[in-house]
C-alpha atoms as a PDB file:
ATOM      1  CA  MET A   1      36.737  53.240 -69.918  1.00  0.00           C
ATOM      2  CA  ALA A   2      35.190  52.586 -66.533  1.00  0.00           C
ATOM      3  CA  ILE A   3      32.316  50.160 -66.232  1.00  0.00           C
ATOM      4  CA  SER A   4      30.221  53.036 -64.860  1.00  0.00           C
ATOM      5  CA  ASP A   5      30.981  54.969 -68.087  1.00  0.00           C
ATOM      6  CA  LEU A   6      29.679  52.065 -70.170  1.00  0.00           C
ATOM      7  CA  ILE A   7      26.516  51.951 -68.103  1.00  0.00           C
ATOM      8  CA  SER A   8      25.952  55.703 -68.566  1.00  0.00           C
ATOM      9  CA  ALA A   9      26.578  55.300 -72.299  1.00  0.00           C
ATOM     10  CA  GLY A  10      23.719  52.823 -72.488  1.00  0.00           C
ATOM     11  CA  PHE A  11      25.500  49.461 -72.210  1.00  0.00           C
ATOM     12  CA  HIS A  12      22.746  46.988 -71.282  1.00  0.00           C
ATOM     13  CA  TRP A  13      23.373  44.657 -68.350  1.00  0.00           C
ATOM     14  CA  GLY A  14      19.923  43.127 -68.346  1.00  0.00           C
ATOM     15  CA  LYS A  15      17.319  43.011 -65.616  1.00  0.00           C
ATOM     16  CA  VAL A  16      18.656  43.474 -62.073  1.00  0.00           C
ATOM     17  CA  THR A  17      16.824  41.802 -59.214  1.00  0.00           C
ATOM     18  CA  ALA A  18      17.561  42.004 -55.478  1.00  0.00           C
ATOM     19  CA  GLY A  19      19.513  39.092 -54.055  1.00  0.00           C
ATOM     20  CA  MET A  20      21.515  38.272 -57.163  1.00  0.00           C
ATOM     21  CA  PRO A  21      25.305  37.840 -56.943  1.00  0.00           C
ATOM     22  CA  ARG A  22      27.413  40.950 -57.611  1.00  0.00           C
ATOM     23  CA  TYR A  23      30.274  40.735 -60.091  1.00  0.00           C
ATOM     24  CA  PHE A  24      33.065  43.237 -60.720  1.00  0.00           C
ATOM     25  CA  PHE A  25      34.696  43.761 -64.120  1.00  0.00           C
ATOM     26  CA  ASP A  26      38.338  44.868 -63.750  1.00  0.00           C
ATOM     27  CA  ILE A  27      39.919  46.108 -66.982  1.00  0.00           C
ATOM     28  CA  VAL A  28      43.530  45.202 -67.842  1.00  0.00           C
ATOM     29  CA  LYS A  29      45.272  47.401 -70.411  1.00  0.00           C
ATOM     30  CA  GLY A  30      48.703  48.875 -70.894  1.00  0.00           C
ATOM     31  CA  GLY A  31      50.171  46.872 -68.040  1.00  0.00           C
ATOM     32  CA  GLY A  32      47.748  48.335 -65.480  1.00  0.00           C
ATOM     33  CA  ILE A  33      44.426  47.337 -63.953  1.00  0.00           C
ATOM     34  CA  GLU A  34      41.402  49.620 -63.712  1.00  0.00           C
ATOM     35  CA  HIS A  35      39.357  48.254 -60.805  1.00  0.00           C
ATOM     36  CA  ASP A  36      35.577  48.232 -60.964  1.00  0.00           C
ATOM     37  CA  ASP A  37      34.392  49.590 -57.611  1.00  0.00           C
ATOM     38  CA  LEU A  38      30.653  49.381 -58.329  1.00  0.00           C
ATOM     39  CA  GLY A  39      30.044  45.952 -59.763  1.00  0.00           C
ATOM     40  CA  VAL A  40      26.829  44.672 -61.269  1.00  0.00           C
ATOM     41  CA  GLU A  41      24.277  42.182 -59.996  1.00  0.00           C
ATOM     42  CA  LEU A  42      23.743  39.338 -62.466  1.00  0.00           C
ATOM     43  CA  THR A  43      21.862  36.055 -62.332  1.00  0.00           C
ATOM     44  CA  SER A  44      24.900  33.752 -62.562  1.00  0.00           C
ATOM     45  CA  ILE A  45      28.557  33.332 -63.449  1.00  0.00           C
ATOM     46  CA  ILE A  46      27.354  32.344 -66.944  1.00  0.00           C
ATOM     47  CA  ALA A  47      25.622  35.726 -67.348  1.00  0.00           C
ATOM     48  CA  ALA A  48      28.712  37.490 -65.964  1.00  0.00           C
ATOM     49  CA  ARG A  49      30.921  35.610 -68.463  1.00  0.00           C
ATOM     50  CA  ALA A  50      28.708  36.768 -71.331  1.00  0.00           C
ATOM     51  CA  GLU A  51      28.934  40.385 -70.131  1.00  0.00           C
ATOM     52  CA  ALA A  52      32.739  40.178 -69.811  1.00  0.00           C
ATOM     53  CA  VAL A  53      33.021  38.950 -73.399  1.00  0.00           C
ATOM     54  CA  SER A  54      30.570  41.641 -74.561  1.00  0.00           C
ATOM     55  CA  LEU A  55      32.773  44.357 -73.049  1.00  0.00           C
ATOM     56  CA  LEU A  56      35.817  43.453 -75.159  1.00  0.00           C
ATOM     57  CA  PRO A  57      34.784  45.184 -78.429  1.00  0.00           C
ATOM     58  CA  TYR A  58      34.016  48.397 -76.504  1.00  0.00           C
ATOM     59  CA  LEU A  59      37.457  48.301 -74.914  1.00  0.00           C
ATOM     60  CA  LEU A  60      39.077  47.695 -78.271  1.00  0.00           C
ATOM     61  CA  LEU A  61      37.327  50.726 -79.776  1.00  0.00           C
ATOM     62  CA  GLU A  62      39.095  52.888 -77.193  1.00  0.00           C
ATOM     63  CA  GLN A  63      42.474  51.771 -78.561  1.00  0.00           C
ATOM     64  CA  ARG A  64      42.483  53.820 -81.750  1.00  0.00           C
ATOM     65  CA  LYS A  65      46.257  54.218 -81.871  1.00  0.00           C
ATOM     66  CA  VAL A  66      47.496  50.635 -81.735  1.00  0.00           C
ATOM     67  CA  SER A  67      51.099  50.845 -82.947  1.00  0.00           C
ATOM     68  CA  ALA A  68      51.938  47.154 -83.351  1.00  0.00           C
ATOM     69  CA  SER A  69      50.004  45.009 -80.909  1.00  0.00           C
ATOM     70  CA  CYS A  70      47.521  45.357 -78.109  1.00  0.00           C
ATOM     71  CA  THR A  71      45.997  42.932 -75.613  1.00  0.00           C
ATOM     72  CA  LEU A  72      43.042  43.921 -73.440  1.00  0.00           C
ATOM     73  CA  ALA A  73      41.390  41.813 -70.771  1.00  0.00           C
ATOM     74  CA  VAL A  74      38.453  41.792 -68.405  1.00  0.00           C
ATOM     75  CA  LEU A  75      39.074  40.103 -65.051  1.00  0.00           C
ATOM     76  CA  LEU A  76      35.808  39.043 -63.474  1.00  0.00           C
ATOM     77  CA  ARG A  77      35.697  39.203 -59.650  1.00  0.00           C
ATOM     78  CA  ASP A  78      32.958  37.972 -57.363  1.00  0.00           C
ATOM     79  CA  SER A  79      31.815  39.806 -54.237  1.00  0.00           C
ATOM     80  CA  SER A  80      34.433  37.993 -52.116  1.00  0.00           C
ATOM     81  CA  GLY A  81      37.187  39.521 -54.291  1.00  0.00           C
ATOM     82  CA  LYS A  82      38.141  36.217 -55.939  1.00  0.00           C
ATOM     83  CA  HIS A  83      38.907  36.392 -59.658  1.00  0.00           C
ATOM     84  CA  ARG A  84      36.592  33.936 -61.377  1.00  0.00           C
ATOM     85  CA  LEU A  85      37.566  34.282 -65.043  1.00  0.00           C
ATOM     86  CA  GLN A  86      39.468  36.309 -67.605  1.00  0.00           C
ATOM     87  CA  ALA A  87      38.312  37.266 -71.090  1.00  0.00           C
ATOM     88  CA  SER A  88      40.821  38.882 -73.435  1.00  0.00           C
ATOM     89  CA  ILE A  89      41.215  40.184 -76.956  1.00  0.00           C
ATOM     90  CA  SER A  90      44.414  40.850 -78.920  1.00  0.00           C
ATOM     91  CA  VAL A  91      45.094  42.898 -82.027  1.00  0.00           C
ATOM     92  CA  GLU A  92      48.228  43.092 -84.154  1.00  0.00           C
ATOM     93  CA  VAL A  93      48.738  45.798 -86.741  1.00  0.00           C
ATOM     94  CA  GLY A  94      51.427  45.521 -89.368  1.00  0.00           C
ATOM     95  CA  VAL A  95      52.309  47.130 -92.668  1.00  0.00           C
ATOM     96  CA  ILE A  96      52.275  44.900 -95.753  1.00  0.00           C
ATOM     97  CA  ASP A  97      54.903  45.807 -98.334  1.00  0.00           C
END
């Protein structure tokens, strides 16, 4: 799911004010990276970290057919293109006999 899709679906980023730093939330899943081309202005790296962590459950909900294991991650980029942090979530599904 693209970040823009989450925004249209009503995901709340908080108040946006001119002059704030812009952060980009790249999604890592299935060995590929979905780059966020729009980004979001947030007050600080702390606020961006909180948003990255908040995205993880939404990404996990997209993975309805996890066969055995699944790891999803959000790579947070700043406006210079430097990756600032990574937040990830993993799920393992197994049958109990």
